[in-house]
Protein backbone atom coordinates (compact mmCIF):
# COMPACT_ATOMS: atom_id res chain seq x y z
CA UNK A 1 7.32 -25.09 47.79
CA UNK A 2 8.94 -28.51 48.76
CA UNK A 3 8.62 -30.28 45.70
CA UNK A 4 5.75 -29.58 43.14
CA UNK A 5 3.97 -26.57 42.85
CA UNK A 6 1.93 -24.36 39.93
CA UNK A 7 2.19 -20.54 39.98
CA UNK A 8 -0.64 -18.64 38.09
CA UNK A 9 -0.42 -15.88 36.47
CA UNK A 10 -2.99 -13.09 37.59
CA UNK A 11 -2.84 -10.58 34.87
CA UNK A 12 -2.60 -13.18 32.20
CA UNK A 13 -6.14 -14.64 33.48
CA UNK A 14 -7.12 -10.71 33.66
CA UNK A 15 -6.06 -10.25 29.95
CA UNK A 16 -7.73 -13.60 29.02
CA UNK A 17 -10.79 -12.51 30.31
CA UNK A 18 -10.81 -8.92 28.86
CA UNK A 19 -10.22 -10.30 25.23
CA UNK A 20 -12.99 -12.07 25.20
CA UNK A 21 -15.48 -9.40 26.44
CA UNK A 22 -13.96 -7.21 23.87
CA UNK A 23 -14.76 -9.85 21.30
CA UNK A 24 -18.51 -10.97 22.36
CA UNK A 25 -21.58 -9.06 21.94
CA UNK A 26 -22.40 -6.52 24.52
CA UNK A 27 -24.45 -7.99 27.39
CA UNK A 28 -22.90 -11.29 26.56
CA UNK A 29 -21.55 -12.87 30.11
CA UNK A 30 -18.91 -14.98 30.87
CA UNK A 31 -19.70 -18.30 32.82
CA UNK A 32 -16.12 -19.84 34.10
CA UNK A 33 -15.75 -23.14 33.36
CA UNK A 34 -13.62 -24.72 36.19
CA UNK A 35 -14.42 -28.74 36.46
CA UNK A 36 -11.64 -30.92 36.52
CA UNK A 37 -9.67 -28.54 39.04
CA UNK A 38 -10.28 -25.53 37.05
CA UNK A 39 -8.37 -27.47 34.64
CA UNK A 40 -5.46 -28.34 36.64
CA UNK A 41 -5.58 -24.77 37.79
CA UNK A 42 -7.19 -25.29 41.07
CA UNK A 43 -11.04 -24.78 41.18
CA UNK A 44 -11.34 -22.75 44.11
CA UNK A 45 -8.79 -20.35 43.63
CA UNK A 46 -9.34 -19.94 40.19
CA UNK A 47 -12.88 -19.06 40.95
CA UNK A 48 -12.35 -16.50 43.18
CA UNK A 49 -10.30 -14.85 41.00
CA UNK A 50 -12.79 -15.02 38.46
CA UNK A 51 -14.89 -13.19 40.49
CA UNK A 52 -12.73 -10.30 41.40
CA UNK A 53 -12.62 -10.09 37.79
CA UNK A 54 -16.62 -9.82 37.55
CA UNK A 55 -17.45 -13.28 36.53
CA UNK A 56 -20.59 -14.58 38.62
CA UNK A 57 -21.33 -17.85 36.87
CA UNK A 58 -19.30 -21.04 36.88
CA UNK A 59 -19.55 -24.10 35.39
CA UNK A 60 -18.32 -27.93 36.63
CA UNK A 61 -19.01 -31.73 35.68
CA UNK A 62 -19.86 -33.12 39.05
CA UNK A 63 -21.97 -32.02 42.29
CA UNK A 64 -18.60 -32.71 44.14
CA UNK A 65 -17.08 -29.90 42.33
CA UNK A 66 -19.76 -27.67 43.23
CA UNK A 67 -20.03 -28.26 46.58
CA UNK A 68 -16.06 -27.64 47.02
CA UNK A 69 -16.56 -24.34 45.32
CA UNK A 70 -19.58 -23.45 47.92
CA UNK A 71 -17.47 -24.57 50.93
CA UNK A 72 -14.34 -22.64 49.24
CA UNK A 73 -16.55 -19.30 49.97
CA UNK A 74 -17.86 -19.25 46.13
CA UNK A 75 -20.50 -17.22 45.68
CA UNK A 76 -23.03 -16.93 42.32
CA UNK A 77 -24.53 -19.57 39.84
CA UNK A 78 -22.86 -22.92 40.00
CA UNK A 79 -24.21 -25.14 37.48
CA UNK A 80 -23.44 -28.89 37.33
CA UNK A 81 -22.96 -29.77 33.89
CA UNK A 82 -23.36 -33.22 34.09
CA UNK A 83 -25.20 -35.89 35.64
CA UNK A 84 -26.06 -36.31 39.31
CA UNK A 85 -27.46 -39.46 41.16
CA UNK A 86 -30.76 -38.73 42.59
CA UNK A 87 -28.69 -40.03 46.35
CA UNK A 88 -27.04 -36.78 45.51
CA UNK A 89 -30.23 -34.67 45.00
CA UNK A 90 -30.37 -33.15 48.70
CA UNK A 91 -27.21 -31.57 48.26
CA UNK A 92 -28.24 -29.33 45.80
CA UNK A 93 -30.76 -27.73 47.45
CA UNK A 94 -28.35 -27.25 50.85
CA UNK A 95 -25.83 -25.75 48.75
CA UNK A 96 -27.74 -23.78 46.15
CA UNK A 97 -26.83 -25.44 43.03
CA UNK A 98 -27.84 -25.67 39.27
CA UNK A 99 -28.21 -28.85 37.99
CA UNK A 100 -28.33 -29.99 34.37
CA UNK A 101 -31.69 -32.04 33.31
CA UNK A 102 -29.71 -34.30 30.97
CA UNK A 103 -32.79 -36.49 29.80
CA UNK A 104 -36.83 -36.51 30.65
CA UNK A 105 -35.78 -39.48 32.94
CA UNK A 106 -33.63 -37.75 35.04
CA UNK A 107 -35.77 -34.40 35.24
CA UNK A 108 -38.84 -36.82 35.78
CA UNK A 109 -36.35 -37.59 39.30
CA UNK A 110 -35.45 -34.43 40.06
CA UNK A 111 -39.33 -33.28 40.16
CA UNK A 112 -40.34 -36.02 41.89
CA UNK A 113 -37.24 -35.38 44.63
CA UNK A 114 -37.80 -31.80 44.75
CA UNK A 115 -42.25 -32.63 45.08
CA UNK A 116 -41.18 -34.51 48.07
CA UNK A 117 -39.06 -31.94 49.52
CA UNK A 118 -41.74 -29.39 49.07
CA UNK A 119 -39.24 -26.93 47.37
CA UNK A 120 -37.96 -26.67 43.89
CA UNK A 121 -34.86 -27.81 42.44
CA UNK A 122 -33.07 -25.23 40.13
CA UNK A 123 -32.61 -26.77 36.67
CA UNK A 124 -31.11 -25.99 32.99
CA UNK A 125 -32.30 -28.30 30.16
CA UNK A 126 -29.78 -29.64 27.92
CA UNK A 127 -30.31 -29.97 24.70
CA UNK A 128 -28.59 -32.75 22.47
CA UNK A 129 -28.53 -30.64 19.19
CA UNK A 130 -25.85 -33.20 17.60
CA UNK A 131 -23.22 -34.14 19.74
CA UNK A 132 -25.18 -36.91 21.02
CA UNK A 133 -23.62 -37.42 24.26
CA UNK A 134 -26.40 -35.99 26.59
CA UNK A 135 -29.50 -33.64 26.78
CA UNK A 136 -33.58 -33.45 25.47
CA UNK A 137 -33.43 -34.31 21.92
CA UNK A 138 -35.31 -32.26 19.69
CA UNK A 139 -38.60 -34.20 19.25
CA UNK A 140 -38.84 -34.46 22.81
CA UNK A 141 -40.24 -30.87 23.02
CA UNK A 142 -43.30 -31.20 24.66
CA UNK A 143 -40.92 -32.94 27.42
CA UNK A 144 -39.03 -29.97 27.61
CA UNK A 145 -42.26 -27.57 28.31
CA UNK A 146 -43.65 -29.79 30.62
CA UNK A 147 -40.16 -28.91 32.94
CA UNK A 148 -40.29 -25.30 32.18
CA UNK A 149 -44.04 -25.30 33.41
CA UNK A 150 -43.83 -27.55 36.84
CA UNK A 151 -43.83 -25.93 39.49
CA UNK A 152 -41.14 -28.01 41.46
CA UNK A 153 -38.66 -27.73 38.46
CA UNK A 154 -37.33 -24.16 38.43
CA UNK A 155 -35.73 -23.86 34.91
CA UNK A 156 -33.89 -21.29 34.79
CA UNK A 157 -31.67 -21.83 31.60
CA UNK A 158 -31.50 -24.10 28.37
CA UNK A 159 -28.31 -24.87 26.53
CA UNK A 160 -26.62 -27.36 23.90
CA UNK A 161 -22.55 -28.02 23.27
CA UNK A 162 -20.96 -27.38 19.59
CA UNK A 163 -18.84 -30.78 19.12
CA UNK A 164 -16.56 -29.47 16.53
CA UNK A 165 -16.60 -25.41 16.85
CA UNK A 166 -13.04 -25.52 16.91
CA UNK A 167 -12.60 -27.16 13.38
CA UNK A 168 -13.15 -24.97 10.26
CA UNK A 169 -13.99 -28.13 7.96
CA UNK A 170 -17.00 -29.04 10.31
CA UNK A 171 -18.58 -24.84 9.77
CA UNK A 172 -21.37 -26.75 8.53
CA UNK A 173 -22.09 -29.34 11.10
CA UNK A 174 -21.71 -26.40 13.85
CA UNK A 175 -24.43 -24.32 11.68
CA UNK A 176 -26.41 -27.37 11.89
CA UNK A 177 -26.04 -27.55 15.32
CA UNK A 178 -26.72 -23.78 15.98
CA UNK A 179 -29.66 -24.21 13.25
CA UNK A 180 -31.32 -26.74 15.66
CA UNK A 181 -30.76 -25.27 19.01
CA UNK A 182 -31.85 -22.10 17.85
CA UNK A 183 -35.45 -23.87 16.68
CA UNK A 184 -35.99 -25.70 20.06
CA UNK A 185 -35.59 -22.15 21.59
CA UNK A 186 -37.63 -20.59 19.32
CA UNK A 187 -40.76 -23.58 19.13
CA UNK A 188 -40.42 -22.74 23.30
CA UNK A 189 -41.38 -19.34 22.60
CA UNK A 190 -43.46 -19.61 19.95
CA UNK A 191 -45.84 -21.97 22.67
CA UNK A 192 -45.10 -19.22 25.68
CA UNK A 193 -43.04 -20.98 27.38
CA UNK A 194 -39.75 -19.27 29.03
CA UNK A 195 -36.89 -21.47 29.21
CA UNK A 196 -34.68 -18.87 30.76
CA UNK A 197 -31.27 -18.26 30.08
CA UNK A 198 -29.78 -19.68 26.97
CA UNK A 199 -26.33 -20.66 26.29
CA UNK A 200 -24.46 -22.56 23.75
CA UNK A 201 -20.62 -21.19 23.13
CA UNK A 202 -17.35 -23.19 24.47
CA UNK A 203 -14.61 -21.11 24.45
CA UNK A 204 -13.84 -21.99 20.84
CA UNK A 205 -17.46 -21.37 19.87
CA UNK A 206 -17.24 -18.01 21.46
CA UNK A 207 -14.54 -17.55 19.42
CA UNK A 208 -15.67 -18.76 15.89
CA UNK A 209 -19.24 -17.83 16.33
CA UNK A 210 -19.94 -15.05 18.67
CA UNK A 211 -23.20 -13.92 16.89
CA UNK A 212 -25.00 -16.51 18.31
CA UNK A 213 -24.01 -15.84 22.07
CA UNK A 214 -27.35 -15.77 23.90
CA UNK A 215 -27.09 -14.97 27.19
CA UNK A 216 -23.70 -16.23 28.18
CA UNK A 217 -20.59 -18.22 26.83
CA UNK A 218 -19.03 -20.71 28.73
CA UNK A 219 -14.99 -20.60 28.26
CA UNK A 220 -12.92 -23.44 29.66
CA UNK A 221 -9.53 -24.33 27.83
CA UNK A 222 -9.33 -21.05 26.06
CA UNK A 223 -9.41 -18.78 29.14
CA UNK A 224 -6.86 -20.56 30.65
CA UNK A 225 -4.34 -19.27 27.56
CA UNK A 226 -4.23 -22.79 26.67
CA UNK A 227 -5.24 -24.14 22.92
CA UNK A 228 -7.11 -27.89 22.67
CA UNK A 229 -4.28 -28.84 20.02
CA UNK A 230 -2.34 -27.40 16.96
CA UNK A 231 -5.14 -28.08 15.11
CA UNK A 232 -7.75 -25.92 16.81
CA UNK A 233 -9.34 -23.51 14.42
CA UNK A 234 -9.44 -19.92 15.75
CA UNK A 235 -11.02 -17.50 13.31
CA UNK A 236 -9.94 -14.72 15.08
CA UNK A 237 -7.02 -14.48 17.02
CA UNK A 238 -7.66 -12.99 20.67
CA UNK A 239 -3.83 -13.54 21.46
CA UNK A 240 -4.70 -15.23 24.62
CA UNK A 241 -1.92 -15.74 27.62
CA UNK A 242 -0.96 -18.99 29.67
CA UNK A 243 -2.34 -18.84 33.09
CA UNK A 244 0.25 -21.31 34.56
CA UNK A 245 3.80 -22.08 35.08
CA UNK A 246 4.52 -25.56 36.72
CA UNK A 247 7.43 -26.17 38.57
CA UNK A 248 9.60 -28.71 40.71
CA UNK A 249 12.33 -29.13 42.42
CA UNK A 250 15.96 -30.64 41.40
CA UNK A 251 16.51 -33.11 43.99
CA UNK A 252 19.88 -34.64 42.88
CA UNK A 253 22.75 -34.16 40.97
CA UNK A 254 25.44 -36.76 39.43
CA UNK A 255 28.08 -37.10 36.52
CA UNK A 256 27.35 -40.31 34.57
CA UNK A 257 30.02 -41.48 31.90
CA UNK A 258 29.82 -43.40 28.72
CA UNK A 259 27.74 -46.17 28.56
CA UNK A 260 25.69 -45.59 31.76
CA UNK A 261 22.05 -45.69 31.60
CA UNK A 262 19.11 -43.56 33.23
CA UNK A 263 16.16 -44.83 34.92
CA UNK A 264 14.22 -47.79 34.30
CA UNK A 265 14.34 -50.25 31.40
CA UNK A 266 17.97 -48.15 30.92
CA UNK A 267 16.42 -46.83 27.79
CA UNK A 268 18.74 -43.93 27.57
CA UNK A 269 22.64 -44.64 27.42
CA UNK A 270 24.73 -41.91 27.52
CA UNK A 271 27.35 -41.68 24.63
CA UNK A 272 29.73 -38.89 27.18
CA UNK A 273 30.25 -37.79 30.20
CA UNK A 274 26.81 -35.90 31.09
CA UNK A 275 25.55 -34.24 34.46
CA UNK A 276 21.85 -35.89 35.29
CA UNK A 277 19.52 -33.82 37.31
CA UNK A 278 16.29 -35.82 39.24
CA UNK A 279 13.32 -33.66 39.42
CA UNK A 280 10.54 -34.40 41.84
CA UNK A 281 7.88 -34.65 39.42
CA UNK A 282 6.55 -38.09 37.89
CA UNK A 283 3.58 -39.59 36.58
CA UNK A 284 1.94 -39.80 39.81
CA UNK A 285 1.61 -36.35 39.91
CA UNK A 286 -0.34 -36.40 36.29
CA UNK A 287 2.46 -35.75 34.47
CA UNK A 288 2.48 -38.00 31.93
CA UNK A 289 4.81 -41.63 30.87
CA UNK A 290 4.36 -40.94 27.78
CA UNK A 291 7.08 -38.10 27.56
CA UNK A 292 9.82 -40.74 28.02
CA UNK A 293 12.18 -41.50 26.14
CA UNK A 294 13.34 -37.57 25.57
CA UNK A 295 10.07 -36.27 24.53
CA UNK A 296 10.27 -33.68 27.29
CA UNK A 297 12.17 -30.39 27.46
CA UNK A 298 12.41 -27.83 30.70
CA UNK A 299 14.03 -25.00 31.81
CA UNK A 300 16.65 -24.91 34.13
CA UNK A 301 18.28 -21.37 35.01
CA UNK A 302 17.03 -19.86 31.81
CA UNK A 303 18.06 -22.25 29.71
CA UNK A 304 16.38 -25.28 27.81
CA UNK A 305 17.25 -28.69 28.68
CA UNK A 306 16.64 -32.06 27.48
CA UNK A 307 14.20 -35.28 29.35
CA UNK A 308 16.17 -38.73 29.41
CA UNK A 309 15.08 -42.17 30.50
CA UNK A 310 11.74 -42.90 31.39
CA UNK A 311 9.27 -40.60 33.34
CA UNK A 312 9.19 -42.37 36.94
CA UNK A 313 6.05 -42.42 39.24
CA UNK A 314 7.57 -39.84 41.31
CA UNK A 315 10.48 -38.23 39.41
CA UNK A 316 12.00 -37.56 35.99
CA UNK A 317 15.68 -36.97 34.77
CA UNK A 318 16.86 -34.07 32.70
CA UNK A 319 20.50 -33.95 31.43
CA UNK A 320 21.45 -30.11 32.86
CA UNK A 321 25.27 -30.81 31.67
CA UNK A 322 26.83 -27.11 30.75
CA UNK A 323 24.26 -25.31 32.76
CA UNK A 324 26.29 -23.34 35.24
CA UNK A 325 26.04 -23.05 38.77
CA UNK A 326 22.89 -26.16 39.05
CA UNK A 327 22.44 -26.89 42.01
CA UNK A 328 20.12 -29.45 44.02
CA UNK A 329 16.93 -27.37 45.39
CA UNK A 330 16.91 -25.42 42.15
CA UNK A 331 13.30 -24.64 39.86
CA UNK A 332 12.73 -26.78 36.65
CA UNK A 333 10.08 -25.32 34.92
CA UNK A 334 7.82 -27.71 33.31
CA UNK A 335 5.16 -25.09 31.89
CA UNK A 336 6.06 -21.85 31.66
CA UNK A 337 8.63 -19.30 30.88
CA UNK A 338 11.58 -17.38 31.71
CA UNK A 339 13.77 -15.43 30.31
CA UNK A 340 13.82 -16.05 26.40
CA UNK A 341 13.29 -19.84 27.15
CA UNK A 342 9.48 -20.99 27.13
CA UNK A 343 7.74 -24.16 27.38
CA UNK A 344 3.94 -24.17 26.80
CA UNK A 345 1.44 -27.17 27.83
CA UNK A 346 0.62 -27.54 23.95
CA UNK A 347 4.24 -28.81 23.30
CA UNK A 348 3.96 -31.40 25.99
CA UNK A 349 0.43 -32.53 24.73
CA UNK A 350 1.60 -33.23 21.09
CA UNK A 351 4.68 -35.12 22.01
CA UNK A 352 2.46 -37.14 24.69
CA UNK A 353 0.02 -38.14 21.84
CA UNK A 354 -2.95 -36.22 23.20
CA UNK A 355 -4.60 -32.83 23.44
CA UNK A 356 -3.85 -30.02 26.27
CA UNK A 357 -7.42 -30.42 27.96
CA UNK A 358 -6.22 -33.99 29.14
CA UNK A 359 -2.70 -32.94 29.72
CA UNK A 360 -3.94 -29.85 32.12
CA UNK A 361 -6.82 -31.74 33.70
CA UNK A 362 -4.84 -34.58 34.96
CA UNK A 363 -2.30 -32.50 36.92
CA UNK A 364 -2.80 -34.44 40.62
CA UNK A 365 -3.43 -32.82 43.17
CA UNK A 366 -0.46 -33.75 44.90
CA UNK A 367 1.24 -30.86 43.35
CA UNK A 368 1.58 -28.23 45.69
CA UNK A 369 0.52 -24.46 45.41
CA UNK A 370 -1.55 -23.65 42.64
CA UNK A 371 -1.98 -19.88 43.78
CA UNK A 372 -2.05 -16.38 41.68
CA UNK A 373 1.19 -14.40 41.63
């Protein structure tokens, strides 16, 4: 790899999938959530690897993401969890994609389009059980029934989303969401309506509320072996392993003396002679500028080193003083493990004042690689 790249651990992913399968009830399948370029891991290669592990369902956020998977040869069900504008409806049929009906008006647009085409559109119904983001409201049961009975909407599923399944103190609200969703499913069945497959649990929901698994669980951040933040509640420790290693090349080495400064703003000033390594990754690669000012560590030749100065658009600087044999072209590990040293995404996210979902999903496509080893 030339500049900066991502390596993916095949066995770590397989281990994480096994952990979930062993934890969830028999018959509950897994859906791999590979939106946002598989949380920065690379949507197509990641989905291909999931397929090898027997995962046949995938979820994305946008039509473009779904089309990318199909064009990358991904088979099985692909569900768009978010809104698609009517201009994009033809691609739903072209790529055999299942679209979330986000509200009654959206469902009506999908139905009208399908009628014009003379072909039904595959749909999952989103239910707003309390997150108040998208979805049919509980009082819109008649509208849900209409969708399920429409000859132009092939309703193959119904789902909702738990917004605080990772917060133990919010257990009461989560159970309220579970009850609201279950009530809608029960009422539909009482009316003789089959809404297709039912799904509710996300990554943390599957860990903490496996008894409400329904047809399948939608696995996101934890599938990648990373917790969203340190506060995230996991009732059961699934021993999940990080899949990603983020590496970049050392492109320059220079010795500077006391009083000399490094990077924009001259915010770092050496107090003694130090060796500074420039590394080919910056905020244009999605590496947070918020990690400036010594808030980041890296691993060089099996040892931890400290970031210095401000993170630039295309580069950042490390203090590699005392690292024996370091040279231009060496690898610096920004996320990952080497020998006894490890830097996880959670550490970087906390130091940047965000969560790992944000940190990983914003890693730029300029980063090379994203291949399994």
